[in-house]
Amino acid sequence: MSGMFHTGSRTLRNRFDKQRLADRMDDRLVNEHDRAFIDDPAADPSRPSS
């Protein structure tokens, strides 16, 4: 599943044939650093160590 969209969004995208557009937006707007932060906010390298 894409980082920006939830399951209900997929239903609408499929209904209006916009899945490729949504996938492209996700690829362009969410980079690997963002994905890593979403998966584990504690692993953010810009976060100060305690």
N, C-alpha and C. Protein backbone atom coordinates (compact mmCIF):
# COMPACT_ATOMS: atom_id res chain seq x y z
N MET A 1 0.86 -1.18 0.00
CA MET A 1 0.00 0.00 0.00
C MET A 1 0.89 1.23 0.00
N SER A 2 0.46 2.19 -0.64
CA SER A 2 1.18 3.43 -0.79
C SER A 2 1.20 4.22 0.51
N GLY A 3 2.26 5.06 0.68
CA GLY A 3 2.40 5.83 1.91
C GLY A 3 1.37 6.92 2.11
N MET A 4 0.91 7.52 1.06
CA MET A 4 0.02 8.68 1.18
C MET A 4 -1.46 8.33 1.21
N PHE A 5 -1.83 7.15 0.78
CA PHE A 5 -3.24 6.85 0.56
C PHE A 5 -3.70 5.66 1.38
N HIS A 6 -4.98 5.64 1.76
CA HIS A 6 -5.53 4.53 2.53
C HIS A 6 -6.42 3.66 1.63
N THR A 7 -6.97 2.58 2.17
CA THR A 7 -7.73 1.60 1.41
C THR A 7 -8.96 2.21 0.73
N GLY A 8 -9.65 3.11 1.42
CA GLY A 8 -10.82 3.76 0.82
C GLY A 8 -10.45 4.58 -0.41
N SER A 9 -9.26 5.16 -0.39
CA SER A 9 -8.78 5.91 -1.55
C SER A 9 -8.60 5.00 -2.75
N ARG A 10 -8.09 3.79 -2.49
CA ARG A 10 -7.87 2.83 -3.59
C ARG A 10 -9.18 2.51 -4.30
N THR A 11 -10.25 2.35 -3.55
CA THR A 11 -11.55 2.04 -4.15
C THR A 11 -11.97 3.14 -5.12
N LEU A 12 -11.82 4.39 -4.69
CA LEU A 12 -12.17 5.51 -5.57
C LEU A 12 -11.25 5.60 -6.78
N ARG A 13 -9.95 5.38 -6.56
CA ARG A 13 -9.00 5.43 -7.68
C ARG A 13 -9.34 4.38 -8.72
N ASN A 14 -9.67 3.19 -8.27
CA ASN A 14 -10.02 2.13 -9.20
C ASN A 14 -11.32 2.45 -9.94
N ARG A 15 -12.26 3.02 -9.24
CA ARG A 15 -13.54 3.37 -9.87
C ARG A 15 -13.36 4.40 -10.98
N PHE A 16 -12.47 5.36 -10.79
CA PHE A 16 -12.27 6.43 -11.77
C PHE A 16 -10.98 6.26 -12.58
N ASP A 17 -10.37 5.08 -12.52
CA ASP A 17 -9.18 4.74 -13.30
C ASP A 17 -8.04 5.75 -13.07
N LYS A 18 -7.72 6.02 -11.82
CA LYS A 18 -6.67 6.98 -11.47
C LYS A 18 -5.54 6.37 -10.68
N GLN A 19 -5.44 5.04 -10.66
CA GLN A 19 -4.41 4.37 -9.86
C GLN A 19 -3.00 4.76 -10.30
N ARG A 20 -2.76 4.80 -11.60
CA ARG A 20 -1.42 5.15 -12.07
C ARG A 20 -1.03 6.56 -11.64
N LEU A 21 -1.97 7.49 -11.67
CA LEU A 21 -1.69 8.85 -11.22
C LEU A 21 -1.34 8.87 -9.73
N ALA A 22 -2.11 8.17 -8.93
CA ALA A 22 -1.84 8.12 -7.49
C ALA A 22 -0.49 7.48 -7.20
N ASP A 23 -0.16 6.42 -7.93
CA ASP A 23 1.15 5.78 -7.73
C ASP A 23 2.28 6.73 -8.09
N ARG A 24 2.11 7.47 -9.16
CA ARG A 24 3.14 8.43 -9.59
C ARG A 24 3.30 9.54 -8.55
N MET A 25 2.20 10.04 -8.02
CA MET A 25 2.27 11.08 -6.98
C MET A 25 3.02 10.56 -5.77
N ASP A 26 2.70 9.34 -5.36
CA ASP A 26 3.35 8.76 -4.20
C ASP A 26 4.85 8.60 -4.45
N ASP A 27 5.23 8.15 -5.64
CA ASP A 27 6.64 7.99 -5.98
C ASP A 27 7.38 9.32 -5.97
N ARG A 28 6.74 10.37 -6.45
CA ARG A 28 7.40 11.67 -6.57
C ARG A 28 7.40 12.47 -5.27
N LEU A 29 6.39 12.31 -4.45
CA LEU A 29 6.23 13.17 -3.27
C LEU A 29 6.75 12.55 -1.96
N VAL A 30 6.87 11.23 -1.91
CA VAL A 30 7.34 10.56 -0.70
C VAL A 30 8.66 9.87 -1.02
N ASN A 31 9.76 10.39 -0.46
CA ASN A 31 11.07 9.79 -0.74
C ASN A 31 11.40 8.71 0.30
N GLU A 32 12.54 8.07 0.12
CA GLU A 32 12.92 6.97 1.00
C GLU A 32 13.10 7.43 2.45
N HIS A 33 13.65 8.62 2.66
CA HIS A 33 13.79 9.15 4.03
C HIS A 33 12.42 9.30 4.67
N ASP A 34 11.45 9.84 3.91
CA ASP A 34 10.10 9.99 4.43
C ASP A 34 9.50 8.64 4.80
N ARG A 35 9.69 7.65 3.91
CA ARG A 35 9.14 6.32 4.17
C ARG A 35 9.75 5.72 5.44
N ALA A 36 11.05 5.88 5.61
CA ALA A 36 11.73 5.36 6.80
C ALA A 36 11.19 6.04 8.06
N PHE A 37 10.97 7.35 7.99
CA PHE A 37 10.44 8.08 9.12
C PHE A 37 9.01 7.64 9.44
N ILE A 38 8.19 7.42 8.41
CA ILE A 38 6.82 6.97 8.61
C ILE A 38 6.83 5.60 9.28
N ASP A 39 7.72 4.72 8.83
CA ASP A 39 7.80 3.37 9.39
C ASP A 39 8.34 3.37 10.82
N ASP A 40 9.31 4.24 11.12
CA ASP A 40 9.92 4.27 12.44
C ASP A 40 10.42 5.68 12.78
N PRO A 41 9.54 6.51 13.35
CA PRO A 41 9.93 7.90 13.65
C PRO A 41 11.17 8.00 14.55
N ALA A 42 11.42 7.03 15.38
CA ALA A 42 12.59 7.06 16.27
C ALA A 42 13.89 6.94 15.50
N ALA A 43 13.85 6.42 14.28
CA ALA A 43 15.06 6.22 13.48
C ALA A 43 15.42 7.45 12.64
N ASP A 44 14.71 8.55 12.81
CA ASP A 44 14.97 9.77 12.04
C ASP A 44 16.34 10.31 12.37
N PRO A 45 17.26 10.38 11.37
CA PRO A 45 18.62 10.83 11.63
C PRO A 45 18.70 12.31 12.04
N SER A 46 17.70 13.11 11.71
CA SER A 46 17.73 14.52 12.08
C SER A 46 17.24 14.75 13.51
N ARG A 47 16.73 13.71 14.14
CA ARG A 47 16.25 13.81 15.52
C ARG A 47 17.44 13.77 16.48
N PRO A 48 17.49 14.71 17.40
CA PRO A 48 18.62 14.73 18.36
C PRO A 48 18.63 13.47 19.23
N SER A 49 19.82 13.00 19.53
CA SER A 49 19.97 11.83 20.41
C SER A 49 19.67 12.23 21.85
N SER A 50 19.15 11.29 22.61
CA SER A 50 18.90 11.61 24.02
C SER A 50 20.02 11.11 24.88
